Protein backbone atom coordinates (compact mmCIF):
# COMPACT_ATOMS: atom_id res chain seq x y z
CA MET A 1 -8.22 -38.22 4.70
CA THR A 2 -10.52 -35.96 5.77
CA LEU A 3 -9.18 -32.79 5.19
CA ARG A 4 -8.73 -31.46 1.28
CA VAL A 5 -6.14 -29.21 0.55
CA GLU A 6 -5.91 -26.97 -2.97
CA ARG A 7 -2.91 -25.35 -3.81
CA ASP A 8 -3.03 -22.60 -6.47
CA LYS A 9 0.32 -21.70 -7.25
CA GLY A 10 -0.33 -18.86 -9.81
CA THR A 11 -2.58 -16.82 -7.31
CA GLY A 12 -0.37 -18.36 -3.85
CA VAL A 13 -3.48 -19.13 -2.14
CA ALA A 14 -4.34 -22.46 -0.28
CA LEU A 15 -7.45 -23.74 -0.20
CA VAL A 16 -8.40 -26.06 3.18
CA THR A 17 -11.84 -27.84 3.61
CA LEU A 18 -12.55 -29.83 6.22
CA ASP A 19 -14.07 -32.74 4.03
CA ARG A 20 -16.81 -34.52 6.39
CA GLU A 21 -20.03 -33.45 4.89
CA ARG A 22 -22.00 -36.31 5.92
CA LYS A 23 -21.13 -35.57 9.65
CA HIS A 24 -21.46 -31.52 9.45
CA ASN A 25 -17.68 -31.55 9.06
CA ALA A 26 -17.18 -32.41 12.77
CA ILE A 27 -13.84 -33.45 13.79
CA ASP A 28 -12.78 -36.41 14.89
CA LEU A 29 -9.14 -37.53 15.82
CA ALA A 30 -7.67 -38.33 12.37
CA THR A 31 -9.26 -34.95 11.24
CA ALA A 32 -7.46 -33.03 14.42
CA ALA A 33 -4.13 -34.48 13.24
CA GLU A 34 -4.45 -33.57 9.35
CA LEU A 35 -5.18 -30.15 10.12
CA SER A 36 -2.16 -29.85 12.50
CA ALA A 37 -0.09 -31.30 9.82
CA VAL A 38 -1.66 -28.66 7.43
CA TRP A 39 -0.56 -26.41 9.37
CA ARG A 40 3.10 -27.29 9.70
CA GLU A 41 3.44 -27.91 6.54
CA LEU A 42 2.22 -24.64 5.05
CA ARG A 43 4.76 -22.71 7.09
CA HIS A 44 7.05 -24.11 4.81
CA GLU A 45 6.02 -23.79 1.37
CA GLU A 46 6.88 -20.86 0.12
CA ASP A 47 4.57 -21.06 -2.83
CA VAL A 48 1.64 -20.86 -0.29
CA ARG A 49 1.16 -17.08 0.86
CA ALA A 50 -2.67 -16.89 1.84
CA VAL A 51 -4.77 -19.81 3.26
CA VAL A 52 -8.71 -20.02 3.20
CA LEU A 53 -10.49 -22.35 5.33
CA THR A 54 -13.87 -23.73 4.93
CA GLY A 55 -16.42 -26.47 5.16
CA ALA A 56 -17.52 -29.04 2.78
CA GLY A 57 -21.25 -28.33 1.87
CA THR A 58 -23.62 -25.89 2.85
CA ALA A 59 -25.33 -27.45 5.86
CA ALA A 60 -22.37 -26.67 8.18
CA PHE A 61 -18.76 -25.14 8.45
CA CYS A 62 -17.79 -26.82 11.46
CA THR A 63 -19.91 -28.34 14.21
CA GLY A 64 -17.22 -29.00 16.76
CA ILE A 65 -15.97 -32.25 18.10
CA ASP A 66 -17.21 -35.81 16.48
CA ARG A 67 -19.55 -36.86 19.56
CA SER A 68 -17.95 -40.20 18.78
CA ALA A 69 -14.01 -39.76 19.02
CA GLU A 70 -12.85 -41.74 21.82
CA VAL A 71 -9.91 -39.46 24.11
CA PRO A 72 -8.60 -41.23 26.63
CA GLN A 73 -7.28 -39.00 29.62
CA PRO A 74 -4.32 -39.66 31.75
CA ALA A 75 -4.95 -40.41 35.50
CA SER A 76 -3.41 -37.70 36.97
CA PRO A 77 -5.93 -34.75 38.00
CA TYR A 78 -3.41 -32.27 36.82
CA SER A 79 -3.37 -33.45 33.09
CA ALA A 80 -5.73 -33.28 30.47
CA ASP A 81 -5.66 -34.15 26.92
CA ASP A 82 -7.79 -31.80 24.37
CA PRO A 83 -7.85 -33.70 20.64
CA LEU A 84 -8.76 -29.78 19.22
CA ILE A 85 -6.03 -27.72 21.37
CA ALA A 86 -3.95 -27.95 18.19
CA ILE A 87 -6.11 -27.62 15.15
CA GLY A 88 -5.43 -23.60 14.56
CA PRO A 89 -3.00 -22.33 12.71
CA LYS A 90 -1.75 -20.35 15.32
CA ALA A 91 -1.48 -23.13 17.82
CA CYS A 92 0.64 -24.67 15.07
CA ASP A 93 2.98 -21.26 14.38
CA LEU A 94 1.39 -20.49 11.42
CA TRP A 95 1.56 -16.93 10.56
CA LYS A 96 0.36 -16.86 7.20
CA PRO A 97 -3.00 -14.78 6.79
CA VAL A 98 -5.85 -17.54 7.24
CA ILE A 99 -9.56 -16.40 5.59
CA ALA A 100 -12.51 -18.49 7.15
CA ALA A 101 -14.89 -18.95 5.02
CA VAL A 102 -18.27 -20.26 6.67
CA ASN A 103 -20.63 -21.75 5.24
CA GLY A 104 -23.83 -23.03 7.32
CA MET A 105 -23.37 -23.84 11.24
CA ALA A 106 -20.43 -23.08 13.01
CA CYS A 107 -20.55 -24.24 16.67
CA GLY A 108 -18.49 -25.78 19.42
CA GLY A 109 -15.21 -26.45 18.52
CA ALA A 110 -15.66 -24.72 15.59
CA PHE A 111 -14.41 -21.47 17.43
CA TYR A 112 -10.79 -22.94 17.95
CA LEU A 113 -10.29 -22.60 14.04
CA LEU A 114 -12.76 -19.30 14.04
CA GLY A 115 -10.80 -17.99 16.82
CA GLU A 116 -7.33 -18.41 14.82
CA SER A 117 -8.71 -17.19 11.23
CA GLU A 118 -7.29 -13.47 10.57
CA PHE A 119 -10.92 -12.62 9.79
CA ILE A 120 -14.42 -14.06 8.35
CA VAL A 121 -16.52 -14.19 5.62
CA SER A 122 -19.86 -15.42 6.07
CA SER A 123 -22.12 -17.02 3.86
CA GLU A 124 -25.64 -15.04 4.82
CA THR A 125 -27.44 -18.24 5.73
CA ALA A 126 -24.79 -18.99 8.27
CA THR A 127 -25.10 -19.47 12.05
CA TYR A 128 -23.29 -19.65 15.17
CA PHE A 129 -23.63 -21.17 18.25
CA ASP A 130 -21.95 -22.89 21.54
CA PRO A 131 -23.97 -25.91 22.39
CA HIS A 132 -21.62 -26.54 25.61
CA THR A 133 -23.75 -25.65 28.11
CA THR A 134 -27.03 -27.11 27.25
CA TYR A 135 -25.22 -30.72 27.27
CA GLY A 136 -23.74 -30.28 30.71
CA MET A 137 -20.06 -28.77 29.82
CA VAL A 138 -18.03 -25.61 30.22
CA SER A 139 -17.54 -23.49 27.35
CA ALA A 140 -13.77 -22.66 28.12
CA TYR A 141 -11.79 -22.54 25.20
CA GLU A 142 -14.83 -21.39 23.24
CA ALA A 143 -15.68 -18.86 25.22
CA VAL A 144 -12.30 -17.56 25.77
CA TYR A 145 -11.76 -17.25 21.90
CA MET A 146 -15.01 -15.78 20.84
CA ALA A 147 -14.72 -13.11 24.30
CA GLN A 148 -11.44 -12.54 22.29
CA ARG A 149 -13.05 -11.78 18.80
CA MET A 150 -16.86 -10.09 20.09
CA PRO A 151 -18.20 -7.35 22.08
CA PHE A 152 -18.15 -9.09 25.53
CA GLY A 153 -21.85 -9.46 26.20
CA GLU A 154 -22.44 -11.45 22.86
CA ALA A 155 -20.02 -13.58 23.88
CA ALA A 156 -21.17 -14.16 27.05
CA ARG A 157 -25.04 -14.82 25.73
CA MET A 158 -23.60 -17.30 23.40
CA SER A 159 -21.57 -19.19 25.51
CA LEU A 160 -24.45 -19.12 28.04
CA MET A 161 -27.50 -19.77 25.78
CA GLY A 162 -26.64 -22.98 24.78
CA THR A 163 -28.53 -24.54 21.73
CA ALA A 164 -31.67 -22.41 23.03
CA GLU A 165 -30.05 -19.77 20.11
CA ARG A 166 -28.59 -18.95 17.61
CA LEU A 167 -26.60 -16.28 15.97
CA SER A 168 -27.65 -15.01 12.70
CA ALA A 169 -24.89 -14.24 10.01
CA ARG A 170 -26.67 -10.85 9.79
CA ARG A 171 -26.16 -9.85 13.55
CA ALA A 172 -22.76 -11.58 13.63
CA TYR A 173 -21.75 -9.08 11.11
CA GLU A 174 -23.24 -6.34 12.98
CA ILE A 175 -21.20 -7.08 16.33
CA GLY A 176 -17.63 -7.55 13.73
CA LEU A 177 -17.25 -11.24 14.20
CA VAL A 178 -17.94 -11.53 11.00
CA SER A 179 -16.02 -8.88 8.40
CA GLU A 180 -18.03 -9.64 4.87
CA LEU A 181 -21.47 -11.02 4.31
CA ALA A 182 -21.85 -12.64 1.22
CA ALA A 183 -24.71 -15.07 -1.11
CA PRO A 184 -24.26 -18.73 -0.45
CA GLU A 185 -23.34 -19.24 -3.96
CA GLU A 186 -20.46 -16.16 -4.03
CA LEU A 187 -19.23 -17.20 -0.25
CA LEU A 188 -15.65 -18.75 -1.77
CA PRO A 189 -15.12 -16.17 -4.51
CA ALA A 190 -15.32 -13.61 -2.00
CA ALA A 191 -13.19 -15.48 0.40
CA LEU A 192 -10.44 -16.35 -2.26
CA ARG A 193 -10.90 -12.91 -3.61
CA ALA A 194 -9.53 -11.42 -0.23
CA ALA A 195 -6.63 -14.49 0.03
CA ARG A 196 -5.48 -13.52 -3.38
CA THR A 197 -5.23 -9.86 -2.43
CA LEU A 198 -2.93 -10.65 0.31
CA ALA A 199 -1.07 -12.93 -1.51
CA GLY A 200 -0.34 -10.91 -3.86
CA PHE A 201 1.36 -8.41 -1.38
CA PRO A 202 5.13 -8.63 0.15
CA THR A 203 5.07 -11.86 1.68
CA GLU A 204 7.35 -10.27 4.88
CA ALA A 205 5.28 -7.54 5.02
CA VAL A 206 1.88 -9.35 5.24
CA GLN A 207 3.22 -11.99 7.81
CA GLY A 208 4.84 -9.62 10.31
CA THR A 209 1.65 -7.40 10.20
CA VAL A 210 -0.36 -10.69 11.36
CA ARG A 211 2.42 -11.38 14.32
CA ALA A 212 1.97 -7.59 14.94
CA LEU A 213 -2.14 -8.44 15.00
CA TRP A 214 -1.80 -11.23 17.36
CA SER A 215 0.57 -10.01 19.57
CA ALA A 216 -2.01 -7.37 21.04
CA LYS A 217 -4.44 -9.84 22.10
CA GLN A 218 -1.70 -13.21 22.77
CA ALA A 219 -0.55 -12.74 26.19
CA ALA A 220 -4.04 -12.40 27.64
CA LEU A 221 -5.37 -15.34 25.44
CA GLN A 222 -3.09 -17.90 26.54
CA GLN A 223 -3.35 -16.33 30.38
CA ALA A 224 -7.17 -17.21 29.51
CA LEU A 225 -6.66 -20.64 27.92
CA ALA A 226 -4.13 -21.47 30.83
CA GLN A 227 -7.13 -21.97 33.36
CA ALA A 228 -9.46 -23.82 30.85
CA PRO A 229 -8.75 -27.30 31.66
CA ALA A 230 -9.20 -27.03 35.44
CA LEU A 231 -12.80 -25.48 34.75
CA ILE A 232 -13.83 -28.24 32.72
CA ALA A 233 -12.68 -30.70 35.13
CA LEU A 234 -14.83 -28.40 37.53
CA GLY A 235 -17.70 -28.12 35.66
CA ASN A 236 -18.10 -30.83 33.12
CA LEU A 237 -21.12 -33.38 33.82
CA PRO A 238 -19.61 -37.22 33.81
CA PRO A 239 -19.75 -38.40 30.28
CA GLU A 240 -22.33 -40.74 30.69
CA ARG A 241 -24.73 -37.92 31.82
CA GLN A 242 -23.28 -35.88 28.86
CA ALA A 243 -24.60 -38.06 26.83
CA GLU A 244 -27.97 -38.77 27.92
CA LEU A 245 -28.70 -35.09 27.34
CA PHE A 246 -26.93 -35.45 24.19
CA THR A 247 -29.20 -38.18 23.31
CA GLY A 248 -32.21 -36.06 24.36
CA ARG A 249 -31.76 -33.27 21.97
CA ARG A 250 -34.61 -33.69 19.54
CA GLN A 251 -36.90 -32.96 22.16
CA THR A 252 -35.79 -29.87 22.46
CA PRO A 253 -37.69 -26.85 21.09
CA GLU A 254 -36.36 -25.03 17.80
CA PRO A 255 -33.55 -22.77 18.55
CA ARG A 256 -34.45 -18.95 18.22
CA VAL A 257 -32.18 -16.94 15.56
CA ARG A 258 -31.32 -13.67 16.13
């Protein structure tokens, strides 16, 4: 198993941990399937009324898709299989509140998860960035999710600057992407404290509020995401060229943290 789920029936909180620390909690196909399954299971568990999502270790919350994952694609140019399309709670019809506890790096496909969380509690040492353009890939789904959560200029800068820059936790807090900063050792206690509060309120009211909040943005979000496959097909370099750029990443300068 690449996902660890701990349920506390006394508080009504589930802690979901991406458990691939040696891979910086990158998501392979097995992890993607486990995430989808867990979100769908939690819809039926009345003892779970709020969720905290985090990554194992301190180096990374999640670094997106595992580069070693092989995703067969249909022959039709009108179809594409995205292994991350259903890893978020909202994509799996879960309307219980999900709080992301971000430790270390959060980048690329991590934004599928952050984009569908209610709010983010961040370690003071966390960083946020989107490497797609550096490696010849279109940031489509990730950019759309972040444009929903950040000022447009900040989302555009992060999506376009690739690995050249990283957004510090402090800056992420200043622009509203992050709702609370915590020392690394206080990250989980802070996120769990908020989740326990939500789990203690009447669940119908909490879930109804979650649904209302998402209804305010869902139409625009779905319309934007619908364009993503075509933009990726048009703009992505061939996989072998992407691999060359990724292999040479160690020769690039250290990223600027702002």
